[in-house]
């Protein structure tokens, strides 16, 4: 019996190939969509090329095995897992720039001073909310800095409301946070 005609090959190996191909192409597709949204005109088409190439391989295997329900399950499972992995990778890359708008109910001076001290450019204004006066702080930061800034917000003004929006373009650059030299050093064992 020929290896490529065996049931083992048809019901296990081909579905696994389809599953992993779908994971790869959907993961790449998720990253491609992010790059399109960020205006990356070079990276997005390259990712698109590989996404479609891998998809064609997976689809050719599906059409070769139309009578195998295991291949359909592998195709759907690979699609779902590819979305999940793509989102995790996109989150870890933290690519791009975001606008962080912070609205505080109480005095925000400590938070403002801390953000300034850490080197973040901010715009601050007092405003009137529905129930009381508030402070509004707006900053534009690299997405990779987001968790650090949220940690500062939670430390200095834990009950504040904040929203995050993606920014596609900034015309005059960004303030790069100043990291004190003692924080750049690696902690000893």
Protein backbone atom coordinates (compact mmCIF):
# COMPACT_ATOMS: atom_id res chain seq x y z
CA UNK A 1 0.00 0.00 0.00
CA UNK A 2 1.31 3.43 -0.95
CA UNK A 3 2.07 5.79 2.00
CA UNK A 4 0.22 8.74 0.41
CA UNK A 5 -2.91 6.63 -0.14
CA UNK A 6 -3.03 5.24 3.41
CA UNK A 7 -5.80 6.14 5.85
CA UNK A 8 -3.20 7.29 8.35
CA UNK A 9 -1.95 9.90 5.89
CA UNK A 10 -5.46 11.02 4.92
CA UNK A 11 -7.00 11.20 8.40
CA UNK A 12 -4.05 12.45 10.44
CA UNK A 13 -1.20 13.99 8.49
CA UNK A 14 -3.18 15.98 5.91
CA UNK A 15 -5.54 17.48 8.55
CA UNK A 16 -2.50 18.43 10.66
CA UNK A 17 -0.91 20.09 7.64
CA UNK A 18 -4.14 21.98 6.95
CA UNK A 19 -4.46 22.96 10.63
CA UNK A 20 -0.94 24.40 10.83
CA UNK A 21 -1.19 26.07 7.42
CA UNK A 22 -4.37 27.84 8.55
CA UNK A 23 -2.72 28.91 11.79
CA UNK A 24 0.14 30.39 9.76
CA UNK A 25 -1.95 32.17 7.14
CA UNK A 26 -4.53 33.59 9.57
CA UNK A 27 -1.80 34.75 11.97
CA UNK A 28 -0.02 36.48 9.10
CA UNK A 29 -3.37 37.91 7.95
CA UNK A 30 -4.07 39.37 11.39
CA UNK A 31 -0.67 41.05 11.41
CA UNK A 32 -1.21 42.26 7.83
CA UNK A 33 -4.48 43.95 8.82
CA UNK A 34 -2.69 45.74 11.65
CA UNK A 35 0.01 46.91 9.25
CA UNK A 36 -2.61 48.17 6.78
CA UNK A 37 -4.32 50.11 9.59
CA UNK A 38 -0.96 51.60 10.61
CA UNK A 39 -0.20 52.64 7.02
CA UNK A 40 2.79 50.31 6.53
CA UNK A 41 2.85 50.27 2.73
CA UNK A 42 5.83 47.92 2.41
CA UNK A 43 5.23 45.35 5.14
CA UNK A 44 1.49 44.79 4.49
CA UNK A 45 1.85 43.57 0.87
CA UNK A 46 4.72 41.23 1.78
CA UNK A 47 2.65 39.70 4.57
CA UNK A 48 -0.31 39.47 2.16
CA UNK A 49 1.79 37.55 -0.37
CA UNK A 50 2.73 34.87 2.16
CA UNK A 51 -0.77 34.80 3.65
CA UNK A 52 -2.37 33.97 0.29
CA UNK A 53 0.39 31.55 -0.70
CA UNK A 54 -0.12 29.49 2.45
CA UNK A 55 -3.91 29.71 2.09
CA UNK A 56 -3.70 28.30 -1.45
CA UNK A 57 -1.71 25.31 -0.18
CA UNK A 58 -4.30 24.65 2.54
CA UNK A 59 -7.22 25.00 0.11
CA UNK A 60 -5.61 22.68 -2.41
CA UNK A 61 -5.41 20.01 0.29
CA UNK A 62 -9.08 20.59 1.19
CA UNK A 63 -10.13 20.15 -2.45
CA UNK A 64 -8.02 17.00 -2.75
CA UNK A 65 -9.84 15.55 0.28
CA UNK A 66 -13.42 16.76 -0.08
CA UNK A 67 -14.75 13.56 1.48
CA UNK A 68 -12.70 13.97 4.70
CA UNK A 69 -14.66 15.73 7.46
CA UNK A 70 -11.46 15.73 9.54
CA UNK A 71 -9.93 18.17 7.06
CA UNK A 72 -12.89 20.54 7.54
CA UNK A 73 -12.47 20.42 11.31
CA UNK A 74 -8.73 21.06 10.91
CA UNK A 75 -9.44 24.01 8.60
CA UNK A 76 -11.87 25.61 11.05
CA UNK A 77 -9.68 24.86 14.06
CA UNK A 78 -6.64 26.34 12.33
CA UNK A 79 -8.62 29.47 11.49
CA UNK A 80 -9.70 29.93 15.12
CA UNK A 81 -6.23 29.24 16.51
CA UNK A 82 -4.65 31.55 13.90
CA UNK A 83 -6.86 34.42 15.06
CA UNK A 84 -5.93 33.77 18.66
CA UNK A 85 -2.19 33.51 17.99
CA UNK A 86 -2.25 36.53 15.67
CA UNK A 87 -3.86 38.67 18.35
CA UNK A 88 -1.36 37.51 20.97
CA UNK A 89 1.58 38.31 18.67
CA UNK A 90 0.08 41.68 17.77
CA UNK A 91 -0.34 42.48 21.45
CA UNK A 92 3.26 41.48 22.22
CA UNK A 93 4.62 43.56 19.33
CA UNK A 94 2.83 46.64 20.73
CA UNK A 95 3.48 48.35 17.42
CA UNK A 96 2.39 51.92 16.84
CA UNK A 97 1.30 55.01 18.69
CA UNK A 98 -1.72 55.59 20.91
CA UNK A 99 -3.50 58.56 22.39
CA UNK A 100 -4.30 58.18 26.04
CA UNK A 101 -7.02 60.43 27.47
CA UNK A 102 -7.28 60.44 31.26
CA UNK A 103 -10.20 62.00 33.11
CA UNK A 104 -9.79 62.40 36.86
CA UNK A 105 -12.36 63.36 39.48
CA UNK A 106 -9.90 64.50 42.09
CA UNK A 107 -6.85 66.70 41.87
CA UNK A 108 -4.57 65.34 39.17
CA UNK A 109 -1.47 67.38 40.00
CA UNK A 110 0.52 64.40 41.37
CA UNK A 111 -0.27 62.33 38.28
CA UNK A 112 0.61 65.23 35.97
CA UNK A 113 3.93 65.81 37.72
CA UNK A 114 4.82 62.12 37.63
CA UNK A 115 4.07 61.86 33.89
CA UNK A 116 6.14 65.00 33.23
CA UNK A 117 8.99 63.69 35.40
CA UNK A 118 8.98 60.41 33.46
CA UNK A 119 9.34 62.40 30.22
CA UNK A 120 5.85 62.03 28.75
CA UNK A 121 4.46 65.02 26.89
CA UNK A 122 1.02 65.89 28.17
CA UNK A 123 -1.76 68.36 27.59
CA UNK A 124 -3.84 69.15 30.67
CA UNK A 125 -7.02 71.10 31.13
CA UNK A 126 -9.72 71.52 33.75
CA UNK A 127 -13.23 70.70 32.60
CA UNK A 128 -16.77 70.32 33.86
CA UNK A 129 -18.21 66.82 34.02
CA UNK A 130 -21.85 65.86 34.50
CA UNK A 131 -21.59 65.77 38.28
CA UNK A 132 -18.41 67.64 39.17
CA UNK A 133 -15.28 69.35 37.92
CA UNK A 134 -12.69 67.07 36.36
CA UNK A 135 -9.18 67.22 34.96
CA UNK A 136 -8.43 65.96 31.47
CA UNK A 137 -4.93 64.81 30.61
CA UNK A 138 -4.04 63.83 27.05
CA UNK A 139 -0.79 62.21 26.00
CA UNK A 140 0.40 60.49 22.85
CA UNK A 141 2.81 57.63 23.50
CA UNK A 142 4.33 54.60 21.86
CA UNK A 143 2.09 51.61 22.36
CA UNK A 144 4.98 49.74 23.94
CA UNK A 145 4.88 52.34 26.78
CA UNK A 146 1.16 51.87 27.44
CA UNK A 147 1.40 49.39 30.33
CA UNK A 148 3.99 51.58 32.04
CA UNK A 149 1.75 54.66 31.83
CA UNK A 150 -1.32 52.73 33.00
CA UNK A 151 0.68 51.55 36.00
CA UNK A 152 1.50 55.20 36.81
CA UNK A 153 -2.19 56.16 36.46
CA UNK A 154 -3.26 53.36 38.81
CA UNK A 155 -0.62 54.36 41.33
CA UNK A 156 -1.29 58.12 41.36
CA UNK A 157 -4.99 58.31 40.51
CA UNK A 158 -6.54 54.81 40.66
CA UNK A 159 -10.16 55.90 40.19
CA UNK A 160 -9.52 57.90 37.05
CA UNK A 161 -11.23 57.06 33.77
CA UNK A 162 -9.03 56.61 30.74
CA UNK A 163 -9.51 55.74 27.10
CA UNK A 164 -7.01 54.60 24.50
CA UNK A 165 -7.20 55.31 20.77
CA UNK A 166 -4.85 54.26 17.99
CA UNK A 167 -3.01 57.08 16.24
CA UNK A 168 -1.91 56.62 12.67
CA UNK A 169 0.31 59.67 12.30
CA UNK A 170 1.99 62.30 14.48
CA UNK A 171 3.44 65.33 12.70
CA UNK A 172 5.95 66.74 15.19
CA UNK A 173 7.31 63.61 16.79
CA UNK A 174 6.84 62.13 20.23
CA UNK A 175 8.31 62.85 23.58
CA UNK A 176 10.50 59.93 24.46
CA UNK A 177 10.29 59.14 28.15
CA UNK A 178 13.44 59.72 30.13
CA UNK A 179 14.38 56.60 32.04
CA UNK A 180 16.64 57.39 35.01
CA UNK A 181 19.97 55.60 34.74
CA UNK A 182 19.40 53.59 37.92
CA UNK A 183 16.25 52.09 36.35
CA UNK A 184 18.11 51.07 33.19
CA UNK A 185 20.55 48.92 35.09
CA UNK A 186 19.81 45.30 35.57
CA UNK A 187 18.98 44.36 39.12
CA UNK A 188 21.51 42.12 40.79
CA UNK A 189 20.83 38.55 41.79
